[in-house]
Amino acid sequence: MELNLEEVEVLVITKNNGEESIQVSFNDSLMKDLIVNTKPHISVVWGKLRDI
């Protein structure tokens, strides 16, 4: 997967009890944080707060 992100405000990498994730926060108030869980399973959570 290739993903180009703009308006990134904060990037946080978390490792805790065998779980690892990357959380990306944006300057755009309509965007939810992008959360990519990498361990123990790969999953992605993302979207927007409301319809424009």
Protein backbone atom coordinates (compact mmCIF):
# COMPACT_ATOMS: atom_id res chain seq x y z
CA MET A 1 0.00 0.00 0.00
CA GLU A 2 1.25 3.48 -0.79
CA LEU A 3 -0.31 6.37 1.07
CA ASN A 4 0.62 10.05 0.70
CA LEU A 5 -0.60 12.11 3.64
CA GLU A 6 -0.92 15.89 3.83
CA GLU A 7 -1.71 18.23 6.71
CA VAL A 8 -0.14 15.84 9.25
CA GLU A 9 0.06 17.47 12.67
CA VAL A 10 1.25 14.63 14.93
CA LEU A 11 2.65 11.13 14.39
CA VAL A 12 2.76 8.76 17.38
CA ILE A 13 4.23 5.24 17.42
CA THR A 14 3.08 3.10 20.35
CA LYS A 15 4.45 -0.25 21.58
CA ASN A 16 2.65 -1.82 24.55
CA ASN A 17 2.24 -5.44 25.73
CA GLY A 18 2.98 -6.99 22.34
CA GLU A 19 0.79 -4.51 20.44
CA GLU A 20 2.20 -1.87 18.09
CA SER A 21 0.42 0.97 16.31
CA ILE A 22 0.98 4.22 14.44
CA GLN A 23 -1.44 7.09 15.01
CA VAL A 24 -1.51 10.07 12.63
CA SER A 25 -3.39 13.26 13.58
CA PHE A 26 -4.25 15.89 10.98
CA ASN A 27 -4.64 19.67 10.90
CA ASP A 28 -8.02 19.19 9.16
CA SER A 29 -10.76 19.21 11.82
CA LEU A 30 -13.02 17.02 9.65
CA MET A 31 -10.57 14.12 9.61
CA LYS A 32 -10.39 11.42 12.24
CA ASP A 33 -6.98 10.17 13.27
CA LEU A 34 -5.50 7.46 11.06
CA ILE A 35 -4.62 4.46 13.23
CA VAL A 36 -2.60 1.60 11.78
CA ASN A 37 -2.24 -1.38 14.11
CA THR A 38 0.79 -3.43 13.09
CA LYS A 39 0.98 -6.08 15.84
CA PRO A 40 -0.37 -8.58 16.65
CA HIS A 41 -2.68 -8.11 13.61
CA ILE A 42 -2.65 -5.51 10.86
CA SER A 43 -5.71 -3.26 10.77
CA VAL A 44 -6.53 0.30 9.75
CA VAL A 45 -9.06 2.71 11.29
CA TRP A 46 -9.75 5.99 9.48
CA GLY A 47 -12.50 8.23 8.21
CA LYS A 48 -14.00 11.66 8.56
CA LEU A 49 -15.99 13.11 11.42
CA ARG A 50 -19.00 14.11 9.32
CA ASP A 51 -20.19 14.40 5.74
CA ILE A 52 -19.25 17.64 4.01
